[in-house]
């Protein structure tokens, strides 16, 4: 009798713990929109995203071994990542110098651990990551509403680009692009059978696009435009009325977006400047000057530490490379580049398999802004990319 009573209590506590974990995961995904917001002004020690990240992590401590386990089904993603990080650390150590004493890339390591935890979380709680991404999208909506009320808004003196809570303009823009894609996916899947849900998924999109355009992030605008075009080409609808409504809503959204872009002084001027003189905001100059350095260290790379020395010598300060593939080549040469590329190709392959076998195009659509970030910004230290990688890789369990 007592044994049965104790077992009942244990099961109830376990069920509550599961709900708490999922709740904290959703809050964490919302908070990623505020990744570097430091309301206590601690100099980066504290942030809203870190707070909810630690709360989520504390909820899995009782089963930490399970959530850090390298399951065979996910080993094709995790093993090359761990080898890549191990090699990066080794190269950092042998290239230590007076400009950089840090050999352990803590932020990259934390993101890899987060990637592993999310894979195992999805394995235990199927469907949790997709729902969490919807919360991520509503987090972006919260950010866009705060923008309309002028809360946390910062506008650059030169160029007039908008950012929120001190974050990088491209990071804010790309989150708006990703969230637009997520809402568009749920809007498409609703099949218009539930009018309230349809409105809840469609209503936030204009707010997100307004903030995206005001950030002046060209890669974000291109990403969301390509993703919407891909959705027209590949998403299948069951009923003719659904297809017509889907196309009509898409055309209206496209017309609204084009009109707003050309009316925007910030985005309009940046696009015009790109067309007129092909400027890449200085990225092309950085890549040109880094290329000979890559060729001199092509096989082994020089690590973060070696690049730090080169950057101070060449530019006078630490310049971000603004291209993940070039960044990986600089840090780890062909050896590390091969490992990272293997991981990324597995992600691409699985996103296509998910579409072919499950008719789910979201992984492919999400890769568009991520590829944009990889080609023009940074990703190794950015959580947004890693949670998308985790979602795509986690779908391997369905095959």
Protein backbone atom coordinates (compact mmCIF):
# COMPACT_ATOMS: atom_id res chain seq x y z
CA UNK A 1 0.00 0.00 0.00
CA UNK A 2 2.72 2.46 1.05
CA UNK A 3 4.81 1.41 -1.91
CA UNK A 4 1.89 2.10 -4.29
CA UNK A 5 1.25 5.49 -2.65
CA UNK A 6 4.92 6.43 -2.92
CA UNK A 7 5.01 5.39 -6.59
CA UNK A 8 1.94 7.55 -7.29
CA UNK A 9 3.59 10.59 -5.70
CA UNK A 10 6.80 9.94 -7.66
CA UNK A 11 4.89 9.75 -10.97
CA UNK A 12 3.03 13.00 -10.21
CA UNK A 13 6.27 14.78 -9.32
CA UNK A 14 7.88 13.46 -12.50
CA UNK A 15 4.98 14.75 -14.59
CA UNK A 16 5.22 18.17 -12.94
CA UNK A 17 8.96 18.26 -13.54
CA UNK A 18 8.40 17.47 -17.23
CA UNK A 19 5.95 20.37 -17.48
CA UNK A 20 8.39 22.69 -15.71
CA UNK A 21 11.17 21.70 -18.10
CA UNK A 22 9.06 22.38 -21.17
CA UNK A 23 7.83 25.68 -19.69
CA UNK A 24 11.39 26.83 -18.98
CA UNK A 25 12.51 25.75 -22.46
CA UNK A 26 9.79 27.97 -23.95
CA UNK A 27 10.83 30.90 -21.77
CA UNK A 28 14.44 30.36 -22.77
CA UNK A 29 13.52 30.47 -26.47
CA UNK A 30 11.60 33.72 -25.90
CA UNK A 31 14.59 35.21 -24.09
CA UNK A 32 16.99 34.51 -26.99
CA UNK A 33 15.45 37.59 -28.60
CA UNK A 34 17.04 39.53 -25.72
CA UNK A 35 20.35 37.65 -25.88
CA UNK A 36 22.65 40.45 -24.75
CA UNK A 37 20.21 42.66 -22.81
CA UNK A 38 21.93 43.39 -19.51
CA UNK A 39 19.42 45.40 -17.41
CA UNK A 40 21.71 45.23 -14.36
CA UNK A 41 24.66 46.72 -16.31
CA UNK A 42 27.05 43.97 -15.23
CA UNK A 43 29.24 44.29 -18.31
CA UNK A 44 27.98 41.09 -19.90
CA UNK A 45 28.14 38.87 -16.81
CA UNK A 46 24.33 38.86 -16.61
CA UNK A 47 21.69 38.94 -19.32
CA UNK A 48 18.02 38.01 -19.62
CA UNK A 49 18.91 35.14 -21.94
CA UNK A 50 21.54 33.81 -19.51
CA UNK A 51 19.04 33.95 -16.64
CA UNK A 52 16.46 31.78 -18.40
CA UNK A 53 19.19 29.59 -19.85
CA UNK A 54 20.46 28.78 -16.37
CA UNK A 55 16.90 28.19 -15.12
CA UNK A 56 16.29 25.74 -17.96
CA UNK A 57 19.65 24.05 -17.31
CA UNK A 58 18.85 23.70 -13.58
CA UNK A 59 15.61 21.88 -14.45
CA UNK A 60 17.52 19.06 -16.18
CA UNK A 61 20.27 18.63 -13.57
CA UNK A 62 18.58 15.57 -12.06
CA UNK A 63 18.88 13.83 -15.47
CA UNK A 64 22.01 15.58 -16.71
CA UNK A 65 23.67 12.34 -17.79
CA UNK A 66 20.74 11.58 -20.09
CA UNK A 67 20.68 15.05 -21.66
CA UNK A 68 24.43 15.06 -22.30
CA UNK A 69 24.52 11.54 -23.71
CA UNK A 70 25.74 11.12 -27.29
CA UNK A 71 23.05 8.92 -28.80
CA UNK A 72 24.07 6.89 -31.82
CA UNK A 73 21.37 8.50 -33.94
CA UNK A 74 22.88 11.95 -33.30
CA UNK A 75 26.56 11.00 -33.29
CA UNK A 76 27.01 12.05 -36.94
CA UNK A 77 26.37 15.63 -35.81
CA UNK A 78 27.95 15.68 -32.35
CA UNK A 79 31.23 13.82 -33.00
CA UNK A 80 32.51 16.17 -35.78
CA UNK A 81 31.52 19.17 -33.64
CA UNK A 82 33.46 17.90 -30.62
CA UNK A 83 36.46 17.07 -32.82
CA UNK A 84 36.27 20.54 -34.34
CA UNK A 85 36.17 22.21 -30.93
CA UNK A 86 39.00 20.02 -29.61
CA UNK A 87 41.18 20.91 -32.59
CA UNK A 88 40.30 24.62 -32.26
CA UNK A 89 41.38 24.55 -28.61
CA UNK A 90 44.65 22.84 -29.53
CA UNK A 91 45.44 25.41 -32.24
CA UNK A 92 44.56 28.24 -29.84
CA UNK A 93 47.07 26.92 -27.30
CA UNK A 94 49.99 26.64 -29.69
CA UNK A 95 49.30 30.16 -31.04
CA UNK A 96 48.96 32.01 -27.72
CA UNK A 97 50.48 35.50 -27.81
CA UNK A 98 50.43 38.82 -25.95
CA UNK A 99 47.24 39.99 -27.74
CA UNK A 100 45.23 36.92 -26.70
CA UNK A 101 45.67 34.80 -23.57
CA UNK A 102 42.40 32.91 -24.05
CA UNK A 103 42.63 29.45 -25.57
CA UNK A 104 39.22 28.06 -24.51
CA UNK A 105 36.32 29.41 -26.59
CA UNK A 106 33.70 29.26 -23.84
CA UNK A 107 30.80 30.61 -25.91
CA UNK A 108 31.33 28.05 -28.70
CA UNK A 109 31.62 25.26 -26.14
CA UNK A 110 28.41 26.38 -24.39
CA UNK A 111 26.57 26.41 -27.71
CA UNK A 112 27.74 22.89 -28.54
CA UNK A 113 26.55 21.70 -25.12
CA UNK A 114 23.23 23.48 -25.72
CA UNK A 115 23.00 21.73 -29.10
CA UNK A 116 23.48 18.30 -27.44
CA UNK A 117 20.98 19.04 -24.67
CA UNK A 118 18.31 20.18 -27.13
CA UNK A 119 18.78 17.05 -29.26
CA UNK A 120 18.18 14.82 -26.25
CA UNK A 121 15.35 17.03 -25.01
CA UNK A 122 13.51 16.61 -28.30
CA UNK A 123 14.15 12.85 -28.14
CA UNK A 124 12.52 12.64 -24.71
CA UNK A 125 9.77 15.20 -25.40
CA UNK A 126 8.88 14.86 -29.10
CA UNK A 127 7.61 18.05 -30.72
CA UNK A 128 8.90 20.30 -27.94
CA UNK A 129 11.41 22.16 -30.12
CA UNK A 130 8.87 23.07 -32.80
CA UNK A 131 6.55 24.48 -30.13
CA UNK A 132 9.49 26.28 -28.54
CA UNK A 133 10.20 27.96 -31.87
CA UNK A 134 6.66 29.34 -31.88
CA UNK A 135 7.45 30.89 -28.48
CA UNK A 136 10.69 32.23 -30.00
CA UNK A 137 8.58 33.91 -32.70
CA UNK A 138 6.26 35.48 -30.12
CA UNK A 139 9.38 36.69 -28.31
CA UNK A 140 10.30 38.52 -31.52
CA UNK A 141 6.78 39.97 -31.58
CA UNK A 142 7.32 41.28 -28.04
CA UNK A 143 10.55 42.90 -29.23
CA UNK A 144 8.78 44.53 -32.18
CA UNK A 145 6.00 45.85 -29.92
CA UNK A 146 8.62 47.33 -27.59
CA UNK A 147 10.12 48.98 -30.66
CA UNK A 148 6.81 50.67 -31.45
CA UNK A 149 6.69 52.06 -27.90
CA UNK A 150 10.31 53.20 -28.08
CA UNK A 151 11.50 50.87 -25.32
CA UNK A 152 15.08 49.64 -25.65
CA UNK A 153 15.46 51.32 -29.05
CA UNK A 154 18.84 52.60 -30.19
CA UNK A 155 19.40 54.36 -33.51
CA UNK A 156 22.89 54.68 -34.98
CA UNK A 157 24.03 58.24 -35.66
CA UNK A 158 25.60 57.18 -38.93
CA UNK A 159 23.13 55.49 -41.27
CA UNK A 160 20.15 55.62 -38.90
CA UNK A 161 19.99 51.83 -38.42
CA UNK A 162 17.82 50.61 -35.54
CA UNK A 163 18.82 48.08 -32.93
CA UNK A 164 17.25 46.87 -29.68
CA UNK A 165 18.84 46.64 -26.23
CA UNK A 166 22.36 47.12 -27.57
CA UNK A 167 22.31 44.09 -29.87
CA UNK A 168 23.84 43.97 -33.34
CA UNK A 169 21.46 45.24 -36.06
CA UNK A 170 21.94 42.13 -38.20
CA UNK A 171 21.20 39.85 -35.24
CA UNK A 172 17.93 41.67 -34.54
CA UNK A 173 17.02 41.64 -38.22
CA UNK A 174 17.76 37.95 -38.69
CA UNK A 175 15.60 37.05 -35.66
CA UNK A 176 12.73 38.99 -37.22
CA UNK A 177 13.31 37.06 -40.47
CA UNK A 178 13.37 33.69 -38.69
CA UNK A 179 10.22 34.51 -36.70
CA UNK A 180 8.42 35.65 -39.86
CA UNK A 181 9.27 32.28 -41.44
CA UNK A 182 8.00 30.44 -38.35
CA UNK A 183 4.68 32.33 -38.27
CA UNK A 184 4.31 31.81 -42.02
CA UNK A 185 4.82 28.08 -41.57
CA UNK A 186 2.17 27.82 -38.82
CA UNK A 187 -0.17 30.03 -40.85
CA UNK A 188 0.22 27.67 -43.81
CA UNK A 189 -0.30 24.55 -41.67
CA UNK A 190 -3.49 25.92 -40.10
CA UNK A 191 -5.39 25.18 -43.36
CA UNK A 192 -7.69 28.09 -42.34
CA UNK A 193 -9.84 25.67 -40.33
CA UNK A 194 -9.36 27.72 -37.18
CA UNK A 195 -9.86 31.42 -37.91
CA UNK A 196 -8.44 32.57 -34.57
CA UNK A 197 -5.22 30.58 -35.04
CA UNK A 198 -4.90 31.88 -38.58
CA UNK A 199 -5.07 35.47 -37.35
CA UNK A 200 -2.65 34.76 -34.48
CA UNK A 201 -0.07 33.47 -36.95
CA UNK A 202 -0.60 36.11 -39.66
CA UNK A 203 -1.15 39.23 -37.52
CA UNK A 204 2.41 39.46 -36.09
CA UNK A 205 4.20 39.35 -39.48
CA UNK A 206 3.83 43.06 -40.46
CA UNK A 207 5.18 44.14 -37.05
CA UNK A 208 8.21 41.89 -37.45
CA UNK A 209 8.89 43.13 -40.98
CA UNK A 210 8.75 46.79 -39.95
CA UNK A 211 11.45 46.25 -37.31
CA UNK A 212 13.46 44.09 -39.74
CA UNK A 213 13.46 46.85 -42.36
CA UNK A 214 14.38 49.54 -39.84
CA UNK A 215 17.44 47.53 -38.77
CA UNK A 216 18.72 48.02 -42.31
CA UNK A 217 19.84 44.38 -42.40
CA UNK A 218 20.05 43.48 -46.07
CA UNK A 219 20.81 39.81 -45.40
CA UNK A 220 17.64 39.56 -43.26
CA UNK A 221 15.47 41.11 -45.97
CA UNK A 222 16.94 38.85 -48.67
CA UNK A 223 16.55 35.79 -46.41
CA UNK A 224 12.89 36.33 -45.61
CA UNK A 225 12.12 37.14 -49.27
CA UNK A 226 13.80 33.94 -50.49
CA UNK A 227 12.10 31.87 -47.79
CA UNK A 228 8.64 33.15 -48.76
CA UNK A 229 9.34 32.46 -52.45
CA UNK A 230 10.51 28.92 -51.60
CA UNK A 231 7.32 28.37 -49.62
CA UNK A 232 5.22 29.20 -52.68
CA UNK A 233 7.19 26.71 -54.76
CA UNK A 234 7.31 23.76 -52.36
CA UNK A 235 4.53 23.93 -49.78
CA UNK A 236 1.61 21.67 -50.69
CA UNK A 237 -1.99 22.53 -49.76
CA UNK A 238 -4.77 19.99 -49.59
CA UNK A 239 -7.64 22.15 -50.79
CA UNK A 240 -7.98 24.62 -53.68
CA UNK A 241 -9.50 27.32 -51.44
CA UNK A 242 -6.54 27.00 -49.07
CA UNK A 243 -4.12 27.35 -51.97
CA UNK A 244 -5.90 30.48 -53.26
CA UNK A 245 -6.04 32.11 -49.83
CA UNK A 246 -2.41 31.21 -49.20
CA UNK A 247 -1.32 32.81 -52.51
CA UNK A 248 -3.49 35.91 -51.97
CA UNK A 249 -2.06 36.46 -48.49
CA UNK A 250 1.44 35.95 -49.86
CA UNK A 251 0.94 38.47 -52.69
CA UNK A 252 -0.45 41.06 -50.26
CA UNK A 253 2.46 40.48 -47.91
CA UNK A 254 4.96 40.75 -50.78
CA UNK A 255 3.39 43.97 -52.08
CA UNK A 256 3.32 45.45 -48.59
CA UNK A 257 6.96 44.50 -48.02
CA UNK A 258 8.27 45.91 -51.34
CA UNK A 259 6.35 49.16 -50.82
CA UNK A 260 7.65 49.58 -47.28
CA UNK A 261 11.25 48.82 -48.29
CA UNK A 262 11.29 51.57 -50.91
CA UNK A 263 9.70 54.02 -48.48
CA UNK A 264 12.35 53.25 -45.83
CA UNK A 265 15.26 55.70 -45.84
CA UNK A 266 17.49 53.22 -44.01
CA UNK A 267 16.91 50.03 -45.97
CA UNK A 268 16.22 51.80 -49.25
CA UNK A 269 19.49 53.74 -49.13
CA UNK A 270 21.52 50.64 -48.17
CA UNK A 271 20.04 48.59 -51.02
CA UNK A 272 20.62 51.44 -53.47
CA UNK A 273 24.20 51.79 -52.29
CA UNK A 274 24.75 48.07 -52.83
CA UNK A 275 23.33 48.31 -56.35
CA UNK A 276 25.33 51.43 -57.23
CA UNK A 277 28.81 50.53 -55.99
CA UNK A 278 28.56 46.90 -54.82
CA UNK A 279 29.52 47.80 -51.25
CA UNK A 280 29.44 45.07 -48.62
CA UNK A 281 29.89 47.41 -45.65
CA UNK A 282 33.65 46.80 -45.60
CA UNK A 283 33.41 43.01 -45.52
CA UNK A 284 35.01 42.61 -48.93
CA UNK A 285 38.04 44.64 -47.79
CA UNK A 286 38.47 42.45 -44.69
CA UNK A 287 38.19 39.25 -46.76
CA UNK A 288 40.71 40.57 -49.30
CA UNK A 289 43.30 41.30 -46.60
CA UNK A 290 42.65 38.04 -44.73
CA UNK A 291 42.98 35.80 -47.82
CA UNK A 292 46.82 35.80 -48.01
CA UNK A 293 46.93 35.04 -44.28
CA UNK A 294 44.66 32.03 -44.83
CA UNK A 295 46.85 30.74 -47.67
CA UNK A 296 49.94 31.01 -45.48
CA UNK A 297 48.28 28.85 -42.79
CA UNK A 298 45.96 26.80 -44.98
CA UNK A 299 46.42 23.33 -43.46
CA UNK A 300 46.41 23.91 -39.69
CA UNK A 301 45.04 27.43 -39.15
CA UNK A 302 46.06 29.79 -36.35
CA UNK A 303 43.16 29.71 -33.88
CA UNK A 304 41.36 32.69 -32.35
CA UNK A 305 44.63 33.62 -30.67
CA UNK A 306 46.66 33.71 -33.89
CA UNK A 307 43.97 35.69 -35.71
CA UNK A 308 43.84 38.18 -32.84
CA UNK A 309 47.57 38.90 -33.32
CA UNK A 310 47.13 39.24 -37.11
CA UNK A 311 44.09 41.52 -36.76
CA UNK A 312 45.78 43.96 -34.38
CA UNK A 313 48.81 44.03 -36.64
CA UNK A 314 46.82 44.44 -39.88
CA UNK A 315 43.83 46.57 -38.80
CA UNK A 316 44.88 48.07 -35.48
CA UNK A 317 42.04 46.34 -33.61
CA UNK A 318 40.17 43.03 -33.49
CA UNK A 319 38.06 42.87 -36.64
CA UNK A 320 35.20 40.41 -37.01
CA UNK A 321 35.57 38.39 -40.21
CA UNK A 322 31.83 38.40 -41.03
CA UNK A 323 31.88 35.04 -42.78
CA UNK A 324 31.72 31.76 -40.87
CA UNK A 325 33.44 29.69 -43.56
CA UNK A 326 36.36 32.10 -43.80
CA UNK A 327 36.44 32.37 -40.00
CA UNK A 328 36.67 28.58 -39.61
CA UNK A 329 39.43 28.44 -42.26
CA UNK A 330 41.40 31.13 -40.42
CA UNK A 331 41.02 29.44 -37.03
CA UNK A 332 41.44 25.78 -37.95
CA UNK A 333 42.63 25.55 -41.56
CA UNK A 334 41.48 22.76 -43.84
CA UNK A 335 41.47 20.27 -40.95
CA UNK A 336 38.86 22.11 -38.88
CA UNK A 337 37.04 23.38 -41.97
CA UNK A 338 36.50 19.77 -43.11
CA UNK A 339 35.03 18.79 -39.73
CA UNK A 340 32.71 21.80 -39.56
CA UNK A 341 31.66 21.42 -43.21
CA UNK A 342 30.85 17.74 -42.62
CA UNK A 343 28.57 18.76 -39.74
CA UNK A 344 26.86 21.46 -41.80
CA UNK A 345 26.34 19.18 -44.81
CA UNK A 346 24.66 16.64 -42.53
CA UNK A 347 22.32 19.41 -41.35
CA UNK A 348 21.47 20.34 -44.96
CA UNK A 349 20.92 16.70 -45.90
CA UNK A 350 18.56 16.10 -42.98
CA UNK A 351 16.52 19.22 -43.72
CA UNK A 352 15.91 17.88 -47.23
CA UNK A 353 15.03 14.42 -45.90
CA UNK A 354 12.48 15.96 -43.52
CA UNK A 355 10.84 17.73 -46.44
CA UNK A 356 10.78 14.65 -48.70
CA UNK A 357 9.58 12.17 -46.08
CA UNK A 358 7.34 14.37 -43.91
CA UNK A 359 6.39 17.22 -46.26
CA UNK A 360 7.78 19.63 -43.64
CA UNK A 361 9.60 22.52 -45.32
CA UNK A 362 10.40 24.53 -42.17
CA UNK A 363 13.96 23.13 -41.78
CA UNK A 364 14.82 24.19 -45.34
CA UNK A 365 13.27 27.63 -44.86
CA UNK A 366 15.14 28.19 -41.60
CA UNK A 367 18.44 27.32 -43.25
CA UNK A 368 18.06 30.29 -45.61
CA UNK A 369 18.60 33.03 -42.97
CA UNK A 370 21.21 30.86 -41.25
CA UNK A 371 23.17 30.55 -44.49
CA UNK A 372 22.83 34.31 -44.88
CA UNK A 373 24.37 34.78 -41.43
CA UNK A 374 27.16 32.33 -42.24
CA UNK A 375 28.07 34.21 -45.41
CA UNK A 376 27.89 37.75 -44.04
CA UNK A 377 28.05 37.74 -40.24
CA UNK A 378 28.92 35.52 -37.28
CA UNK A 379 27.29 32.30 -36.11
CA UNK A 380 29.70 30.29 -33.95
CA UNK A 381 28.89 32.41 -30.89
CA UNK A 382 25.21 33.08 -31.68
CA UNK A 383 22.56 30.89 -30.02
CA UNK A 384 19.98 31.45 -32.76
CA UNK A 385 21.91 29.35 -35.26
CA UNK A 386 22.58 26.53 -32.81
CA UNK A 387 18.94 26.10 -31.79
CA UNK A 388 18.00 25.85 -35.46
CA UNK A 389 20.73 23.28 -36.04
CA UNK A 390 19.40 21.34 -33.04
CA UNK A 391 15.83 21.39 -34.36
CA UNK A 392 16.89 20.13 -37.81
CA UNK A 393 19.25 17.45 -36.46
CA UNK A 394 16.67 16.27 -33.90
CA UNK A 395 14.32 15.26 -36.71
CA UNK A 396 16.66 12.33 -37.48
CA UNK A 397 14.70 10.31 -34.91
CA UNK A 398 11.68 10.29 -37.23
CA UNK A 399 13.44 8.13 -39.87
